[in-house]
PDB file of N, CA and C in Angstrom:
ATOM      1  N   UNK A   1      -3.147  16.440  17.776  1.00  0.00           N
ATOM      2  CA  UNK A   1      -3.573  15.091  18.147  1.00  0.00           C
ATOM      3  C   UNK A   1      -4.273  14.399  16.983  1.00  0.00           C
ATOM      4  N   UNK A   2      -5.137  15.136  16.257  1.00  0.00           N
ATOM      5  CA  UNK A   2      -5.871  14.530  15.156  1.00  0.00           C
ATOM      6  C   UNK A   2      -4.932  14.019  14.063  1.00  0.00           C
ATOM      7  N   UNK A   3      -3.911  14.820  13.742  1.00  0.00           N
ATOM      8  CA  UNK A   3      -2.977  14.385  12.713  1.00  0.00           C
ATOM      9  C   UNK A   3      -2.151  13.193  13.179  1.00  0.00           C
ATOM     10  N   UNK A   4      -1.828  13.154  14.452  1.00  0.00           N
ATOM     11  CA  UNK A   4      -1.081  12.002  14.993  1.00  0.00           C
ATOM     12  C   UNK A   4      -1.916  10.730  14.846  1.00  0.00           C
ATOM     13  N   UNK A   5      -3.187  10.816  15.165  1.00  0.00           N
ATOM     14  CA  UNK A   5      -4.082   9.670  15.025  1.00  0.00           C
ATOM     15  C   UNK A   5      -4.183   9.245  13.560  1.00  0.00           C
ATOM     16  N   UNK A   6      -4.279  10.211  12.664  1.00  0.00           N
ATOM     17  CA  UNK A   6      -4.336   9.907  11.239  1.00  0.00           C
ATOM     18  C   UNK A   6      -3.042   9.245  10.777  1.00  0.00           C
ATOM     19  N   UNK A   7      -1.895   9.784  11.204  1.00  0.00           N
ATOM     20  CA  UNK A   7      -0.599   9.178  10.869  1.00  0.00           C
ATOM     21  C   UNK A   7      -0.523   7.733  11.355  1.00  0.00           C
ATOM     22  N   UNK A   8      -0.913   7.501  12.592  1.00  0.00           N
ATOM     23  CA  UNK A   8      -0.840   6.149  13.153  1.00  0.00           C
ATOM     24  C   UNK A   8      -1.794   5.190  12.441  1.00  0.00           C
ATOM     25  N   UNK A   9      -2.946   5.680  12.043  1.00  0.00           N
ATOM     26  CA  UNK A   9      -3.893   4.797  11.349  1.00  0.00           C
ATOM     27  C   UNK A   9      -3.366   4.416   9.969  1.00  0.00           C
ATOM     28  N   UNK A  10      -2.711   5.340   9.300  1.00  0.00           N
ATOM     29  CA  UNK A  10      -2.129   5.013   7.994  1.00  0.00           C
ATOM     30  C   UNK A  10      -0.937   4.078   8.167  1.00  0.00           C
ATOM     31  N   UNK A  11      -0.126   4.307   9.192  1.00  0.00           N
ATOM     32  CA  UNK A  11       0.972   3.381   9.481  1.00  0.00           C
ATOM     33  C   UNK A  11       0.428   1.982   9.743  1.00  0.00           C
ATOM     34  N   UNK A  12      -0.668   1.898  10.484  1.00  0.00           N
ATOM     35  CA  UNK A  12      -1.290   0.606  10.767  1.00  0.00           C
ATOM     36  C   UNK A  12      -1.691  -0.105   9.479  1.00  0.00           C
ATOM     37  N   UNK A  13      -2.266   0.630   8.540  1.00  0.00           N
ATOM     38  CA  UNK A  13      -2.676   0.020   7.267  1.00  0.00           C
ATOM     39  C   UNK A  13      -1.475  -0.581   6.553  1.00  0.00           C
ATOM     40  N   UNK A  14      -0.376   0.167   6.473  1.00  0.00           N
ATOM     41  CA  UNK A  14       0.820  -0.338   5.791  1.00  0.00           C
ATOM     42  C   UNK A  14       1.410  -1.554   6.507  1.00  0.00           C
ATOM     43  N   UNK A  15       1.507  -1.488   7.815  1.00  0.00           N
ATOM     44  CA  UNK A  15       2.097  -2.597   8.579  1.00  0.00           C
ATOM     45  C   UNK A  15       1.197  -3.825   8.522  1.00  0.00           C
ATOM     46  N   UNK A  16      -0.104  -3.631   8.687  1.00  0.00           N
ATOM     47  CA  UNK A  16      -1.032  -4.761   8.616  1.00  0.00           C
ATOM     48  C   UNK A  16      -1.017  -5.390   7.227  1.00  0.00           C
ATOM     49  N   UNK A  17      -0.958  -4.573   6.199  1.00  0.00           N
ATOM     50  CA  UNK A  17      -0.894  -5.088   4.830  1.00  0.00           C
ATOM     51  C   UNK A  17       0.358  -5.927   4.633  1.00  0.00           C
ATOM     52  N   UNK A  18       1.481  -5.457   5.169  1.00  0.00           N
ATOM     53  CA  UNK A  18       2.731  -6.214   5.053  1.00  0.00           C
ATOM     54  C   UNK A  18       2.616  -7.570   5.732  1.00  0.00           C
ATOM     55  N   UNK A  19       2.070  -7.575   6.932  1.00  0.00           N
ATOM     56  CA  UNK A  19       1.969  -8.829   7.685  1.00  0.00           C
ATOM     57  C   UNK A  19       0.987  -9.802   7.040  1.00  0.00           C
ATOM     58  N   UNK A  20      -0.135  -9.289   6.591  1.00  0.00           N
ATOM     59  CA  UNK A  20      -1.114 -10.164   5.920  1.00  0.00           C
ATOM     60  C   UNK A  20      -0.511 -10.728   4.637  1.00  0.00           C
ATOM     61  N   UNK A  21       0.117  -9.867   3.848  1.00  0.00           N
ATOM     62  CA  UNK A  21       0.696 -10.313   2.572  1.00  0.00           C
ATOM     63  C   UNK A  21       1.790 -11.351   2.769  1.00  0.00           C
ATOM     64  N   UNK A  22       2.665 -11.119   3.736  1.00  0.00           N
ATOM     65  CA  UNK A  22       3.828 -11.988   3.914  1.00  0.00           C
ATOM     66  C   UNK A  22       3.538 -13.235   4.734  1.00  0.00           C
ATOM     67  N   UNK A  23       2.576 -13.151   5.649  1.00  0.00           N
ATOM     68  CA  UNK A  23       2.426 -14.243   6.609  1.00  0.00           C
ATOM     69  C   UNK A  23       1.058 -14.924   6.631  1.00  0.00           C
ATOM     70  N   UNK A  24       0.009 -14.230   6.281  1.00  0.00           N
ATOM     71  CA  UNK A  24      -1.330 -14.781   6.500  1.00  0.00           C
ATOM     72  C   UNK A  24      -2.072 -15.186   5.230  1.00  0.00           C
ATOM     73  N   UNK A  25      -1.945 -14.416   4.173  1.00  0.00           N
ATOM     74  CA  UNK A  25      -2.656 -14.740   2.929  1.00  0.00           C
ATOM     75  C   UNK A  25      -1.912 -15.863   2.219  1.00  0.00           C
ATOM     76  N   UNK A  26      -2.624 -16.838   1.666  1.00  0.00           N
ATOM     77  CA  UNK A  26      -1.942 -17.963   1.000  1.00  0.00           C
ATOM     78  C   UNK A  26      -1.042 -17.485  -0.152  1.00  0.00           C
ATOM     79  N   UNK A  27       0.243 -17.799  -0.095  1.00  0.00           N
ATOM     80  CA  UNK A  27       1.165 -17.328  -1.135  1.00  0.00           C
ATOM     81  C   UNK A  27       0.755 -17.759  -2.541  1.00  0.00           C
ATOM     82  N   UNK A  28       0.203 -18.954  -2.680  1.00  0.00           N
ATOM     83  CA  UNK A  28      -0.193 -19.437  -3.998  1.00  0.00           C
ATOM     84  C   UNK A  28      -1.228 -18.505  -4.628  1.00  0.00           C
ATOM     85  N   UNK A  29      -2.144 -18.012  -3.820  1.00  0.00           N
ATOM     86  CA  UNK A  29      -3.151 -17.090  -4.345  1.00  0.00           C
ATOM     87  C   UNK A  29      -2.522 -15.744  -4.716  1.00  0.00           C
ATOM     88  N   UNK A  30      -1.564 -15.304  -3.934  1.00  0.00           N
ATOM     89  CA  UNK A  30      -0.844 -14.074  -4.275  1.00  0.00           C
ATOM     90  C   UNK A  30      -0.072 -14.251  -5.575  1.00  0.00           C
ATOM     91  N   UNK A  31       0.553 -15.401  -5.746  1.00  0.00           N
ATOM     92  CA  UNK A  31       1.305 -15.665  -6.974  1.00  0.00           C
ATOM     93  C   UNK A  31       0.382 -15.670  -8.184  1.00  0.00           C
ATOM     94  N   UNK A  32      -0.830 -16.202  -8.024  1.00  0.00           N
ATOM     95  CA  UNK A  32      -1.801 -16.188  -9.127  1.00  0.00           C
ATOM     96  C   UNK A  32      -2.173 -14.758  -9.514  1.00  0.00           C
ATOM     97  N   UNK A  33      -2.393 -13.911  -8.517  1.00  0.00           N
ATOM     98  CA  UNK A  33      -2.710 -12.510  -8.803  1.00  0.00           C
ATOM     99  C   UNK A  33      -1.528 -11.821  -9.486  1.00  0.00           C
ATOM    100  N   UNK A  34      -0.332 -12.083  -9.002  1.00  0.00           N
ATOM    101  CA  UNK A  34       0.849 -11.492  -9.618  1.00  0.00           C
ATOM    102  C   UNK A  34       1.011 -11.962 -11.062  1.00  0.00           C
ATOM    103  N   UNK A  35       0.744 -13.224 -11.317  1.00  0.00           N
ATOM    104  CA  UNK A  35       0.835 -13.751 -12.685  1.00  0.00           C
ATOM    105  C   UNK A  35      -0.147 -13.031 -13.609  1.00  0.00           C
ATOM    106  N   UNK A  36      -1.322 -12.749 -13.102  1.00  0.00           N
ATOM    107  CA  UNK A  36      -2.337 -12.055 -13.914  1.00  0.00           C
ATOM    108  C   UNK A  36      -1.941 -10.613 -14.223  1.00  0.00           C
ATOM    109  N   UNK A  37      -1.032 -10.057 -13.431  1.00  0.00           N
ATOM    110  CA  UNK A  37      -0.559  -8.698 -13.719  1.00  0.00           C
ATOM    111  C   UNK A  37       0.695  -8.711 -14.589  1.00  0.00           C
ATOM    112  N   UNK A  38       1.165  -9.906 -14.941  1.00  0.00           N
ATOM    113  CA  UNK A  38       2.311 -10.011 -15.841  1.00  0.00           C
ATOM    114  C   UNK A  38       3.627 -10.349 -15.170  1.00  0.00           C
ATOM    115  N   UNK A  39       3.613 -10.631 -13.878  1.00  0.00           N
ATOM    116  CA  UNK A  39       4.846 -10.984 -13.173  1.00  0.00           C
ATOM    117  C   UNK A  39       5.183 -12.448 -13.489  1.00  0.00           C
ATOM    118  N   UNK A  40       6.381 -12.721 -14.007  1.00  0.00           N
ATOM    119  CA  UNK A  40       6.775 -14.109 -14.266  1.00  0.00           C
ATOM    120  C   UNK A  40       6.821 -14.916 -12.961  1.00  0.00           C
ATOM    121  N   UNK A  41       6.516 -16.199 -13.063  1.00  0.00           N
ATOM    122  CA  UNK A  41       6.464 -17.074 -11.884  1.00  0.00           C
ATOM    123  C   UNK A  41       7.777 -17.050 -11.105  1.00  0.00           C
ATOM    124  N   UNK A  42       8.891 -16.994 -11.803  1.00  0.00           N
ATOM    125  CA  UNK A  42      10.194 -16.994 -11.120  1.00  0.00           C
ATOM    126  C   UNK A  42      10.387 -15.748 -10.252  1.00  0.00           C
ATOM    127  N   UNK A  43       9.719 -14.674 -10.592  1.00  0.00           N
ATOM    128  CA  UNK A  43       9.853 -13.421  -9.851  1.00  0.00           C
ATOM    129  C   UNK A  43       8.792 -13.250  -8.769  1.00  0.00           C
ATOM    130  N   UNK A  44       7.792 -14.107  -8.777  1.00  0.00           N
ATOM    131  CA  UNK A  44       6.647 -13.926  -7.869  1.00  0.00           C
ATOM    132  C   UNK A  44       7.047 -13.857  -6.389  1.00  0.00           C
ATOM    133  N   UNK A  45       7.874 -14.775  -5.876  1.00  0.00           N
ATOM    134  CA  UNK A  45       8.245 -14.655  -4.449  1.00  0.00           C
ATOM    135  C   UNK A  45       8.971 -13.348  -4.134  1.00  0.00           C
ATOM    136  N   UNK A  46       9.884 -12.940  -5.004  1.00  0.00           N
ATOM    137  CA  UNK A  46      10.602 -11.684  -4.788  1.00  0.00           C
ATOM    138  C   UNK A  46       9.631 -10.497  -4.786  1.00  0.00           C
ATOM    139  N   UNK A  47       8.698 -10.495  -5.718  1.00  0.00           N
ATOM    140  CA  UNK A  47       7.735  -9.394  -5.792  1.00  0.00           C
ATOM    141  C   UNK A  47       6.813  -9.388  -4.578  1.00  0.00           C
ATOM    142  N   UNK A  48       6.331 -10.558  -4.184  1.00  0.00           N
ATOM    143  CA  UNK A  48       5.422 -10.647  -3.047  1.00  0.00           C
ATOM    144  C   UNK A  48       6.106 -10.188  -1.758  1.00  0.00           C
ATOM    145  N   UNK A  49       7.230 -10.800  -1.453  1.00  0.00           N
ATOM    146  CA  UNK A  49       7.891 -10.489  -0.189  1.00  0.00           C
ATOM    147  C   UNK A  49       8.631  -9.153  -0.249  1.00  0.00           C
ATOM    148  N   UNK A  50       9.052  -8.759  -1.437  1.00  0.00           N
ATOM    149  CA  UNK A  50       9.647  -7.433  -1.592  1.00  0.00           C
ATOM    150  C   UNK A  50       8.619  -6.334  -1.353  1.00  0.00           C
ATOM    151  N   UNK A  51       7.434  -6.511  -1.933  1.00  0.00           N
ATOM    152  CA  UNK A  51       6.366  -5.529  -1.734  1.00  0.00           C
ATOM    153  C   UNK A  51       5.938  -5.489  -0.269  1.00  0.00           C
ATOM    154  N   UNK A  52       5.859  -6.655   0.360  1.00  0.00           N
ATOM    155  CA  UNK A  52       5.507  -6.695   1.782  1.00  0.00           C
ATOM    156  C   UNK A  52       6.573  -5.977   2.612  1.00  0.00           C
ATOM    157  N   UNK A  53       7.829  -6.160   2.246  1.00  0.00           N
ATOM    158  CA  UNK A  53       8.913  -5.469   2.947  1.00  0.00           C
ATOM    159  C   UNK A  53       8.838  -3.959   2.777  1.00  0.00           C
ATOM    160  N   UNK A  54       8.530  -3.516   1.568  1.00  0.00           N
ATOM    161  CA  UNK A  54       8.372  -2.079   1.321  1.00  0.00           C
ATOM    162  C   UNK A  54       7.209  -1.534   2.141  1.00  0.00           C
ATOM    163  N   UNK A  55       6.092  -2.264   2.154  1.00  0.00           N
ATOM    164  CA  UNK A  55       4.933  -1.834   2.954  1.00  0.00           C
ATOM    165  C   UNK A  55       5.307  -1.707   4.434  1.00  0.00           C
ATOM    166  N   UNK A  56       6.043  -2.682   4.940  1.00  0.00           N
ATOM    167  CA  UNK A  56       6.466  -2.646   6.343  1.00  0.00           C
ATOM    168  C   UNK A  56       7.377  -1.443   6.607  1.00  0.00           C
ATOM    169  N   UNK A  57       8.328  -1.202   5.706  1.00  0.00           N
ATOM    170  CA  UNK A  57       9.227  -0.066   5.879  1.00  0.00           C
ATOM    171  C   UNK A  57       8.481   1.265   5.833  1.00  0.00           C
ATOM    172  N   UNK A  58       7.498   1.369   4.972  1.00  0.00           N
ATOM    173  CA  UNK A  58       6.698   2.598   4.915  1.00  0.00           C
ATOM    174  C   UNK A  58       5.969   2.793   6.240  1.00  0.00           C
ATOM    175  N   UNK A  59       5.322   1.748   6.724  1.00  0.00           N
ATOM    176  CA  UNK A  59       4.598   1.850   7.992  1.00  0.00           C
ATOM    177  C   UNK A  59       5.512   2.231   9.139  1.00  0.00           C
ATOM    178  N   UNK A  60       6.667   1.599   9.211  1.00  0.00           N
ATOM    179  CA  UNK A  60       7.626   1.925  10.277  1.00  0.00           C
ATOM    180  C   UNK A  60       8.184   3.333  10.100  1.00  0.00           C
ATOM    181  N   UNK A  61       8.399   3.724   8.853  1.00  0.00           N
ATOM    182  CA  UNK A  61       8.889   5.075   8.589  1.00  0.00           C
ATOM    183  C   UNK A  61       7.918   6.138   9.059  1.00  0.00           C
ATOM    184  N   UNK A  62       6.634   5.888   8.867  1.00  0.00           N
ATOM    185  CA  UNK A  62       5.622   6.842   9.335  1.00  0.00           C
ATOM    186  C   UNK A  62       5.719   7.015  10.844  1.00  0.00           C
ATOM    187  N   UNK A  63       5.948   5.926  11.539  1.00  0.00           N
ATOM    188  CA  UNK A  63       6.002   5.961  13.005  1.00  0.00           C
ATOM    189  C   UNK A  63       7.332   6.519  13.514  1.00  0.00           C
ATOM    190  N   UNK A  64       8.425   6.164  12.876  1.00  0.00           N
ATOM    191  CA  UNK A  64       9.740   6.434  13.447  1.00  0.00           C
ATOM    192  C   UNK A  64      10.468   7.667  12.906  1.00  0.00           C
ATOM    193  N   UNK A  65      10.198   8.037  11.677  1.00  0.00           N
ATOM    194  CA  UNK A  65      10.953   9.149  11.090  1.00  0.00           C
ATOM    195  C   UNK A  65      10.450  10.498  11.601  1.00  0.00           C
ATOM    196  N   UNK A  66      11.381  11.393  11.807  1.00  0.00           N
ATOM    197  CA  UNK A  66      11.008  12.740  12.236  1.00  0.00           C
ATOM    198  C   UNK A  66      10.521  13.575  11.053  1.00  0.00           C
ATOM    199  N   UNK A  67      11.129  13.373   9.892  1.00  0.00           N
ATOM    200  CA  UNK A  67      10.731  14.088   8.678  1.00  0.00           C
ATOM    201  C   UNK A  67      10.174  13.076   7.694  1.00  0.00           C
ATOM    202  N   UNK A  68       8.914  13.275   7.340  1.00  0.00           N
ATOM    203  CA  UNK A  68       8.242  12.281   6.498  1.00  0.00           C
ATOM    204  C   UNK A  68       7.716  12.863   5.197  1.00  0.00           C
ATOM    205  N   UNK A  69       8.012  14.093   4.912  1.00  0.00           N
ATOM    206  CA  UNK A  69       7.417  14.743   3.734  1.00  0.00           C
ATOM    207  C   UNK A  69       7.648  13.913   2.465  1.00  0.00           C
ATOM    208  N   UNK A  70       8.858  13.451   2.254  1.00  0.00           N
ATOM    209  CA  UNK A  70       9.168  12.630   1.078  1.00  0.00           C
ATOM    210  C   UNK A  70       8.414  11.301   1.121  1.00  0.00           C
ATOM    211  N   UNK A  71       8.185  10.793   2.321  1.00  0.00           N
ATOM    212  CA  UNK A  71       7.507   9.502   2.475  1.00  0.00           C
ATOM    213  C   UNK A  71       6.040   9.601   2.074  1.00  0.00           C
ATOM    214  N   UNK A  72       5.409  10.746   2.350  1.00  0.00           N
ATOM    215  CA  UNK A  72       4.013  10.924   1.921  1.00  0.00           C
ATOM    216  C   UNK A  72       3.943  10.889   0.398  1.00  0.00           C
ATOM    217  N   UNK A  73       4.889  11.544  -0.265  1.00  0.00           N
ATOM    218  CA  UNK A  73       4.895  11.537  -1.733  1.00  0.00           C
ATOM    219  C   UNK A  73       5.139  10.128  -2.277  1.00  0.00           C
ATOM    220  N   UNK A  74       6.031   9.397  -1.644  1.00  0.00           N
ATOM    221  CA  UNK A  74       6.295   8.020  -2.075  1.00  0.00           C
ATOM    222  C   UNK A  74       5.034   7.172  -1.958  1.00  0.00           C
ATOM    223  N   UNK A  75       4.286   7.368  -0.885  1.00  0.00           N
ATOM    224  CA  UNK A  75       3.043   6.618  -0.699  1.00  0.00           C
ATOM    225  C   UNK A  75       2.025   6.966  -1.769  1.00  0.00           C
ATOM    226  N   UNK A  76       1.901   8.246  -2.068  1.00  0.00           N
ATOM    227  CA  UNK A  76       0.960   8.664  -3.118  1.00  0.00           C
ATOM    228  C   UNK A  76       1.312   7.989  -4.437  1.00  0.00           C
ATOM    229  N   UNK A  77       2.601   7.975  -4.769  1.00  0.00           N
ATOM    230  CA  UNK A  77       3.035   7.340  -6.011  1.00  0.00           C
ATOM    231  C   UNK A  77       2.804   5.844  -6.020  1.00  0.00           C
ATOM    232  N   UNK A  78       3.123   5.196  -4.916  1.00  0.00           N
ATOM    233  CA  UNK A  78       2.974   3.744  -4.843  1.00  0.00           C
ATOM    234  C   UNK A  78       1.502   3.327  -4.893  1.00  0.00           C
ATOM    235  N   UNK A  79       0.664   4.008  -4.126  1.00  0.00           N
ATOM    236  CA  UNK A  79      -0.769   3.681  -4.145  1.00  0.00           C
ATOM    237  C   UNK A  79      -1.350   3.984  -5.521  1.00  0.00           C
ATOM    238  N   UNK A  80      -0.928   5.088  -6.117  1.00  0.00           N
ATOM    239  CA  UNK A  80      -1.393   5.409  -7.467  1.00  0.00           C
ATOM    240  C   UNK A  80      -0.999   4.335  -8.467  1.00  0.00           C
ATOM    241  N   UNK A  81       0.252   3.874  -8.372  1.00  0.00           N
ATOM    242  CA  UNK A  81       0.724   2.806  -9.256  1.00  0.00           C
ATOM    243  C   UNK A  81      -0.058   1.518  -9.041  1.00  0.00           C
ATOM    244  N   UNK A  82      -0.173   1.091  -7.785  1.00  0.00           N
ATOM    245  CA  UNK A  82      -0.927  -0.130  -7.480  1.00  0.00           C
ATOM    246  C   UNK A  82      -2.371  -0.029  -7.978  1.00  0.00           C
ATOM    247  N   UNK A  83      -2.997   1.101  -7.747  1.00  0.00           N
ATOM    248  CA  UNK A  83      -4.388   1.279  -8.137  1.00  0.00           C
ATOM    249  C   UNK A  83      -4.548   1.195  -9.649  1.00  0.00           C
ATOM    250  N   UNK A  84      -3.682   1.889 -10.383  1.00  0.00           N
ATOM    251  CA  UNK A  84      -3.766   1.871 -11.849  1.00  0.00           C
ATOM    252  C   UNK A  84      -3.495   0.471 -12.397  1.00  0.00           C
ATOM    253  N   UNK A  85      -2.484  -0.203 -11.869  1.00  0.00           N
ATOM    254  CA  UNK A  85      -2.142  -1.546 -12.347  1.00  0.00           C
ATOM    255  C   UNK A  85      -3.278  -2.536 -12.078  1.00  0.00           C
ATOM    256  N   UNK A  86      -3.814  -2.494 -10.877  1.00  0.00           N
ATOM    257  CA  UNK A  86      -4.894  -3.418 -10.531  1.00  0.00           C
ATOM    258  C   UNK A  86      -6.144  -3.113 -11.346  1.00  0.00           C
ATOM    259  N   UNK A  87      -6.473  -1.847 -11.521  1.00  0.00           N
ATOM    260  CA  UNK A  87      -7.642  -1.484 -12.317  1.00  0.00           C
ATOM    261  C   UNK A  87      -7.492  -1.962 -13.759  1.00  0.00           C
ATOM    262  N   UNK A  88      -6.288  -1.939 -14.280  1.00  0.00           N
ATOM    263  CA  UNK A  88      -6.039  -2.352 -15.656  1.00  0.00           C
ATOM    264  C   UNK A  88      -5.991  -3.873 -15.803  1.00  0.00           C
ATOM    265  N   UNK A  89      -5.240  -4.532 -14.919  1.00  0.00           N
ATOM    266  CA  UNK A  89      -5.009  -5.975 -15.059  1.00  0.00           C
ATOM    267  C   UNK A  89      -6.020  -6.843 -14.304  1.00  0.00           C
ATOM    268  N   UNK A  90      -6.612  -6.309 -13.259  1.00  0.00           N
ATOM    269  CA  UNK A  90      -7.582  -7.056 -12.443  1.00  0.00           C
ATOM    270  C   UNK A  90      -8.843  -6.196 -12.273  1.00  0.00           C
ATOM    271  N   UNK A  91      -9.510  -5.867 -13.367  1.00  0.00           N
ATOM    272  CA  UNK A  91     -10.600  -4.884 -13.310  1.00  0.00           C
ATOM    273  C   UNK A  91     -11.785  -5.288 -12.436  1.00  0.00           C
ATOM    274  N   UNK A  92     -11.892  -6.557 -12.109  1.00  0.00           N
ATOM    275  CA  UNK A  92     -12.990  -6.974 -11.233  1.00  0.00           C
ATOM    276  C   UNK A  92     -12.903  -6.318  -9.856  1.00  0.00           C
ATOM    277  N   UNK A  93     -11.703  -5.854  -9.485  1.00  0.00           N
ATOM    278  CA  UNK A  93     -11.548  -5.194  -8.190  1.00  0.00           C
ATOM    279  C   UNK A  93     -12.128  -3.779  -8.177  1.00  0.00           C
ATOM    280  N   UNK A  94     -12.403  -3.233  -9.351  1.00  0.00           N
ATOM    281  CA  UNK A  94     -13.078  -1.932  -9.412  1.00  0.00           C
ATOM    282  C   UNK A  94     -14.519  -2.034  -8.920  1.00  0.00           C
ATOM    283  N   UNK A  95     -15.151  -3.179  -9.170  1.00  0.00           N
ATOM    284  CA  UNK A  95     -16.558  -3.375  -8.807  1.00  0.00           C
ATOM    285  C   UNK A  95     -16.734  -4.350  -7.651  1.00  0.00           C
ATOM    286  N   UNK A  96     -15.662  -4.698  -6.995  1.00  0.00           N
ATOM    287  CA  UNK A  96     -15.734  -5.633  -5.875  1.00  0.00           C
ATOM    288  C   UNK A  96     -16.593  -5.019  -4.767  1.00  0.00           C
ATOM    289  N   UNK A  97     -17.482  -5.819  -4.155  1.00  0.00           N
ATOM    290  CA  UNK A  97     -18.384  -5.247  -3.146  1.00  0.00           C
ATOM    291  C   UNK A  97     -17.679  -4.692  -1.910  1.00  0.00           C
ATOM    292  N   UNK A  98     -16.464  -5.115  -1.615  1.00  0.00           N
ATOM    293  CA  UNK A  98     -15.744  -4.579  -0.458  1.00  0.00           C
ATOM    294  C   UNK A  98     -14.930  -3.330  -0.826  1.00  0.00           C
ATOM    295  N   UNK A  99     -14.915  -2.986  -2.090  1.00  0.00           N
ATOM    296  CA  UNK A  99     -14.280  -1.751  -2.538  1.00  0.00           C
ATOM    297  C   UNK A  99     -12.792  -1.625  -2.309  1.00  0.00           C
ATOM    298  N   UNK A 100     -11.974  -2.663  -2.619  1.00  0.00           N
ATOM    299  CA  UNK A 100     -10.546  -2.552  -2.322  1.00  0.00           C
ATOM    300  C   UNK A 100      -9.850  -1.398  -3.035  1.00  0.00           C
ATOM    301  N   UNK A 101     -10.278  -1.066  -4.252  1.00  0.00           N
ATOM    302  CA  UNK A 101      -9.663   0.064  -4.944  1.00  0.00           C
ATOM    303  C   UNK A 101     -10.336   1.381  -4.584  1.00  0.00           C
ATOM    304  N   UNK A 102     -11.617   1.341  -4.361  1.00  0.00           N
ATOM    305  CA  UNK A 102     -12.353   2.560  -4.009  1.00  0.00           C
ATOM    306  C   UNK A 102     -11.826   3.137  -2.699  1.00  0.00           C
ATOM    307  N   UNK A 103     -11.416   2.278  -1.781  1.00  0.00           N
ATOM    308  CA  UNK A 103     -10.904   2.738  -0.485  1.00  0.00           C
ATOM    309  C   UNK A 103      -9.588   3.493  -0.628  1.00  0.00           C
ATOM    310  N   UNK A 104      -8.946   3.376  -1.775  1.00  0.00           N
ATOM    311  CA  UNK A 104      -7.710   4.124  -1.983  1.00  0.00           C
ATOM    312  C   UNK A 104      -7.966   5.628  -2.099  1.00  0.00           C
ATOM    313  N   UNK A 105      -9.167   6.005  -2.495  1.00  0.00           N
ATOM    314  CA  UNK A 105      -9.461   7.439  -2.657  1.00  0.00           C
ATOM    315  C   UNK A 105      -9.344   8.187  -1.327  1.00  0.00           C
ATOM    316  N   UNK A 106     -10.030   7.757  -0.247  1.00  0.00           N
ATOM    317  CA  UNK A 106      -9.826   8.482   1.016  1.00  0.00           C
ATOM    318  C   UNK A 106      -8.417   8.297   1.579  1.00  0.00           C
ATOM    319  N   UNK A 107      -7.792   7.179   1.298  1.00  0.00           N
ATOM    320  CA  UNK A 107      -6.411   6.971   1.747  1.00  0.00           C
ATOM    321  C   UNK A 107      -5.490   8.001   1.083  1.00  0.00           C
ATOM    322  N   UNK A 108      -5.653   8.194  -0.215  1.00  0.00           N
ATOM    323  CA  UNK A 108      -4.851   9.192  -0.922  1.00  0.00           C
ATOM    324  C   UNK A 108      -5.124  10.600  -0.393  1.00  0.00           C
ATOM    325  N   UNK A 109      -6.388  10.894  -0.125  1.00  0.00           N
ATOM    326  CA  UNK A 109      -6.739  12.216   0.414  1.00  0.00           C
ATOM    327  C   UNK A 109      -6.102  12.432   1.786  1.00  0.00           C
ATOM    328  N   UNK A 110      -6.129  11.420   2.631  1.00  0.00           N
ATOM    329  CA  UNK A 110      -5.533  11.538   3.968  1.00  0.00           C
ATOM    330  C   UNK A 110      -4.022  11.712   3.880  1.00  0.00           C
ATOM    331  N   UNK A 111      -3.391  10.977   2.991  1.00  0.00           N
ATOM    332  CA  UNK A 111      -1.938  11.101   2.830  1.00  0.00           C
ATOM    333  C   UNK A 111      -1.585  12.483   2.291  1.00  0.00           C
ATOM    334  N   UNK A 112      -2.383  12.987   1.359  1.00  0.00           N
ATOM    335  CA  UNK A 112      -2.148  14.335   0.841  1.00  0.00           C
ATOM    336  C   UNK A 112      -2.278  15.377   1.960  1.00  0.00           C
ATOM    337  N   UNK A 113      -3.267  15.212   2.811  1.00  0.00           N
ATOM    338  CA  UNK A 113      -3.444  16.114   3.950  1.00  0.00           C
ATOM    339  C   UNK A 113      -2.210  16.081   4.853  1.00  0.00           C
ATOM    340  N   UNK A 114      -1.699  14.894   5.124  1.00  0.00           N
ATOM    341  CA  UNK A 114      -0.505  14.770   5.968  1.00  0.00           C
ATOM    342  C   UNK A 114       0.725  15.369   5.289  1.00  0.00           C
ATOM    343  N   UNK A 115       0.811  15.203   3.989  1.00  0.00           N
ATOM    344  CA  UNK A 115       1.908  15.830   3.238  1.00  0.00           C
ATOM    345  C   UNK A 115       1.849  17.352   3.376  1.00  0.00           C
ATOM    346  N   UNK A 116       0.650  17.899   3.230  1.00  0.00           N
ATOM    347  CA  UNK A 116       0.469  19.353   3.342  1.00  0.00           C
ATOM    348  C   UNK A 116       0.776  19.852   4.755  1.00  0.00           C
ATOM    349  N   UNK A 117       0.462  19.053   5.760  1.00  0.00           N
ATOM    350  CA  UNK A 117       0.664  19.469   7.146  1.00  0.00           C
ATOM    351  C   UNK A 117       2.105  19.298   7.624  1.00  0.00           C
ATOM    352  N   UNK A 118       2.867  18.479   6.926  1.00  0.00           N
ATOM    353  CA  UNK A 118       4.256  18.196   7.331  1.00  0.00           C
ATOM    354  C   UNK A 118       5.111  19.458   7.196  1.00  0.00           C
ATOM    355  N   UNK A 119       5.990  19.662   8.152  1.00  0.00           N
ATOM    356  CA  UNK A 119       6.893  20.803   8.101  1.00  0.00           C
ATOM    357  C   UNK A 119       7.829  20.670   6.921  1.00  0.00           C
ATOM    358  N   UNK A 120       8.086  21.804   6.267  1.00  0.00           N
ATOM    359  CA  UNK A 120       8.970  21.792   5.101  1.00  0.00           C
ATOM    360  C   UNK A 120      10.414  21.917   5.527  1.00  0.00           C
TER     361      UNK A 120
END
C-alpha cells in the first residue's frame, strides 16, 4: 500500500506539472525561461508543449503501465537533466525560497526506491 501511495503521488506531480505548464502558467513567461536556457524563440512552443506532453505521458505511464522499471530510470534521467540545466542557466532557482530544485532531491530518492522495488 505504501508503495502504491508513493507511485500515485509521483504520478500526480508529473500530471499536475503537465497541466500547469500547458494550460495555467502564462506561456510568455515560460518562453522567457526557455530563452534564458538557450532555446530559440521559434522552438519555444514545441519545447514547452512537448515537455508538458512528456510529463503527462510519464504520469499516465506510472498509473497505467504494468511494468515501469524503465520508466523510473527515464524519470531519474529527465529530472537530473532538468536540474542540471536549470542550476546552470537559471542559478537563482538554487536559492529560491520555495526550493524548486532542492525538492528534486527527495523526488529522486523516491523514484530510486520505486525503481528498486519494481519487479525485474
